[in-house]
Amino acid sequence: MSKNSADETPVCCCIDVGTIMDNTDCTASYSRVFSNRADAEATLDALSAKAREVESEPCQITPRFSEVDGGVQLDIDFVFACQAETMIFQLGLR
């Protein structure tokens, strides 16, 4: 068994999930510059729909639009009820 602080099982080299997912990071952030606001709003709608598919309790979605050189920047924070939902949402975007 290694000198890791995580609880390991020597038979299968497993690590307790609680050492990886401790429910402290429940926010997924997204940022992108679009050529126009309509495209940014369409992306916000699509990402919000994906978040609603994952949530067990209402996900707090906070979008911010700002005018930048070359278009509109969209920044979004998705705050989920638990870290597992955050990870599922992020993996679903890949």
C-alpha atoms as a PDB file:
ATOM      1  CA  MET A   1       0.000   0.000   0.000  1.00  0.00           C
ATOM      2  CA  SER A   2       1.323   3.466  -0.869  1.00  0.00           C
ATOM      3  CA  LYS A   3       1.958   6.284   1.563  1.00  0.00           C
ATOM      4  CA  ASN A   4      -1.096   8.167   0.249  1.00  0.00           C
ATOM      5  CA  SER A   5      -3.358   9.929   2.733  1.00  0.00           C
ATOM      6  CA  ALA A   6      -6.409   8.525   0.942  1.00  0.00           C
ATOM      7  CA  ASP A   7      -8.037   5.357   2.202  1.00  0.00           C
ATOM      8  CA  GLU A   8      -6.846   2.645  -0.170  1.00  0.00           C
ATOM      9  CA  THR A   9      -7.695  -0.999  -0.514  1.00  0.00           C
ATOM     10  CA  PRO A  10      -4.502  -2.948  -1.220  1.00  0.00           C
ATOM     11  CA  VAL A  11      -6.315  -5.685  -3.151  1.00  0.00           C
ATOM     12  CA  CYS A  12      -7.759  -3.589  -5.978  1.00  0.00           C
ATOM     13  CA  CYS A  13      -5.867  -0.275  -5.641  1.00  0.00           C
ATOM     14  CA  CYS A  14      -9.150   1.541  -5.057  1.00  0.00           C
ATOM     15  CA  ILE A  15      -9.468   4.971  -3.486  1.00  0.00           C
ATOM     16  CA  ASP A  16     -12.496   6.078  -1.500  1.00  0.00           C
ATOM     17  CA  VAL A  17     -14.647   8.332  -3.697  1.00  0.00           C
ATOM     18  CA  GLY A  18     -14.920  10.812  -0.816  1.00  0.00           C
ATOM     19  CA  THR A  19     -11.263  11.688  -1.285  1.00  0.00           C
ATOM     20  CA  ILE A  20     -11.913  12.765  -4.883  1.00  0.00           C
ATOM     21  CA  MET A  21     -15.438  14.183  -4.626  1.00  0.00           C
ATOM     22  CA  ASP A  22     -15.827  16.023  -1.351  1.00  0.00           C
ATOM     23  CA  ASN A  23     -18.792  18.154  -2.518  1.00  0.00           C
ATOM     24  CA  THR A  24     -16.839  21.409  -2.263  1.00  0.00           C
ATOM     25  CA  ASP A  25     -16.777  22.186  -5.996  1.00  0.00           C
ATOM     26  CA  CYS A  26     -20.372  22.415  -7.204  1.00  0.00           C
ATOM     27  CA  THR A  27     -19.827  25.182  -9.779  1.00  0.00           C
ATOM     28  CA  ALA A  28     -19.195  24.728 -13.490  1.00  0.00           C
ATOM     29  CA  SER A  29     -18.173  27.841 -15.410  1.00  0.00           C
ATOM     30  CA  TYR A  30     -18.356  28.589 -19.130  1.00  0.00           C
ATOM     31  CA  SER A  31     -16.864  31.505 -21.064  1.00  0.00           C
ATOM     32  CA  ARG A  32     -16.795  32.270 -24.783  1.00  0.00           C
ATOM     33  CA  VAL A  33     -16.816  35.253 -27.158  1.00  0.00           C
ATOM     34  CA  PHE A  34     -19.521  35.233 -29.839  1.00  0.00           C
ATOM     35  CA  SER A  35     -19.813  37.416 -32.920  1.00  0.00           C
ATOM     36  CA  ASN A  36     -23.318  38.535 -31.877  1.00  0.00           C
ATOM     37  CA  ARG A  37     -25.667  38.443 -28.903  1.00  0.00           C
ATOM     38  CA  ALA A  38     -28.187  36.146 -30.603  1.00  0.00           C
ATOM     39  CA  ASP A  39     -25.585  33.360 -30.849  1.00  0.00           C
ATOM     40  CA  ALA A  40     -24.599  33.917 -27.215  1.00  0.00           C
ATOM     41  CA  GLU A  41     -28.232  33.697 -26.086  1.00  0.00           C
ATOM     42  CA  ALA A  42     -28.788  30.522 -28.141  1.00  0.00           C
ATOM     43  CA  THR A  43     -25.788  28.928 -26.413  1.00  0.00           C
ATOM     44  CA  LEU A  44     -27.073  30.054 -23.017  1.00  0.00           C
ATOM     45  CA  ASP A  45     -30.430  28.402 -23.777  1.00  0.00           C
ATOM     46  CA  ALA A  46     -28.767  25.150 -24.927  1.00  0.00           C
ATOM     47  CA  LEU A  47     -26.442  24.947 -21.907  1.00  0.00           C
ATOM     48  CA  SER A  48     -29.274  25.794 -19.522  1.00  0.00           C
ATOM     49  CA  ALA A  49     -31.348  22.951 -20.976  1.00  0.00           C
ATOM     50  CA  LYS A  50     -28.420  20.536 -20.457  1.00  0.00           C
ATOM     51  CA  ALA A  51     -28.071  21.705 -16.852  1.00  0.00           C
ATOM     52  CA  ARG A  52     -31.792  21.143 -16.250  1.00  0.00           C
ATOM     53  CA  GLU A  53     -31.402  17.546 -17.480  1.00  0.00           C
ATOM     54  CA  VAL A  54     -28.733  16.877 -14.826  1.00  0.00           C
ATOM     55  CA  GLU A  55     -30.064  18.750 -11.804  1.00  0.00           C
ATOM     56  CA  SER A  56     -31.747  17.024  -8.864  1.00  0.00           C
ATOM     57  CA  GLU A  57     -32.585  20.383  -7.306  1.00  0.00           C
ATOM     58  CA  PRO A  58     -32.811  23.639  -9.263  1.00  0.00           C
ATOM     59  CA  CYS A  59     -29.407  24.608 -10.648  1.00  0.00           C
ATOM     60  CA  GLN A  60     -28.537  28.267 -10.115  1.00  0.00           C
ATOM     61  CA  ILE A  61     -27.598  29.657 -13.532  1.00  0.00           C
ATOM     62  CA  THR A  62     -25.924  33.076 -13.601  1.00  0.00           C
ATOM     63  CA  PRO A  63     -25.174  34.448 -17.087  1.00  0.00           C
ATOM     64  CA  ARG A  64     -23.199  37.634 -17.761  1.00  0.00           C
ATOM     65  CA  PHE A  65     -23.003  39.300 -21.176  1.00  0.00           C
ATOM     66  CA  SER A  66     -20.355  41.901 -21.922  1.00  0.00           C
ATOM     67  CA  GLU A  67     -19.426  43.791 -25.080  1.00  0.00           C
ATOM     68  CA  VAL A  68     -15.835  43.060 -26.146  1.00  0.00           C
ATOM     69  CA  ASP A  69     -13.731  43.624 -29.248  1.00  0.00           C
ATOM     70  CA  GLY A  70     -15.052  41.246 -31.846  1.00  0.00           C
ATOM     71  CA  GLY A  71     -18.457  40.616 -30.295  1.00  0.00           C
ATOM     72  CA  VAL A  72     -20.182  39.602 -27.105  1.00  0.00           C
ATOM     73  CA  GLN A  73     -18.582  37.640 -24.287  1.00  0.00           C
ATOM     74  CA  LEU A  74     -20.822  35.202 -22.441  1.00  0.00           C
ATOM     75  CA  ASP A  75     -19.760  34.030 -18.982  1.00  0.00           C
ATOM     76  CA  ILE A  76     -22.007  31.566 -17.150  1.00  0.00           C
ATOM     77  CA  ASP A  77     -21.775  29.972 -13.709  1.00  0.00           C
ATOM     78  CA  PHE A  78     -23.830  26.828 -13.081  1.00  0.00           C
ATOM     79  CA  VAL A  79     -24.149  25.993  -9.377  1.00  0.00           C
ATOM     80  CA  PHE A  80     -25.442  22.465  -8.829  1.00  0.00           C
ATOM     81  CA  ALA A  81     -26.709  20.814  -5.640  1.00  0.00           C
ATOM     82  CA  CYS A  82     -23.744  18.410  -5.543  1.00  0.00           C
ATOM     83  CA  GLN A  83     -20.360  17.860  -7.120  1.00  0.00           C
ATOM     84  CA  ALA A  84     -21.481  14.707  -8.937  1.00  0.00           C
ATOM     85  CA  GLU A  85     -24.038  16.731 -10.921  1.00  0.00           C
ATOM     86  CA  THR A  86     -21.333  19.272 -11.767  1.00  0.00           C
ATOM     87  CA  MET A  87     -19.083  16.526 -13.106  1.00  0.00           C
ATOM     88  CA  ILE A  88     -21.912  14.883 -15.085  1.00  0.00           C
ATOM     89  CA  PHE A  89     -22.755  18.262 -16.660  1.00  0.00           C
ATOM     90  CA  GLN A  90     -19.119  18.945 -17.561  1.00  0.00           C
ATOM     91  CA  LEU A  91     -18.589  15.493 -19.024  1.00  0.00           C
ATOM     92  CA  GLY A  92     -21.793  15.852 -21.053  1.00  0.00           C
ATOM     93  CA  LEU A  93     -20.319  18.906 -22.798  1.00  0.00           C
ATOM     94  CA  ARG A  94     -17.305  17.017 -24.131  1.00  0.00           C
END
